Amino acid sequence: RDAVAASVADVSACVVRVPCEVLKQRMQALGPCGVSLSFTQTVSKVWAEGVKGFFAGFAATAMREVPFALIQMPLFEELKHNHPWAARAHAEDNKQRQGLIGMHCGFVAGSFAGLATTPLDAA
């Protein structure tokens, strides 16, 4: 359940993230006169390509994000529930300790997911 939710969330986030990345990359590239384009010039150029222009690279971005989410989110939840401090933190409603648990588990889950999926990014 967590894996599916994380994957849907990441693909949904790509709907916003990819057009922003397209614009950012196009603005960083030099224009025809060797000068970077302004934001409005870049939007006009991308818009001339149609909606597909804004979503160039969507599939590649989603294919990079989904495997990471499939590993990271379920692992995070499992670690959080089995953390040695979890039962006591919830019994005492200790928000500070719950935050530390989340931080520990997020670090481990994110590190492991990154380690497992980085070779896929480079391929």
Foldseek 3Di string as FASTA:
>chain_A
DQLVVLLVVQLVVLVVVQLVVLLVVQQPDADPVRHGDDSVVSVVVQCVVPPVSSCVCSVVSSVLRSQLSNQQRVQLVVQLVPPPCNVVCVVVVPVVVSVVSSVVSNVVSNVVSCVVRVVVVVD
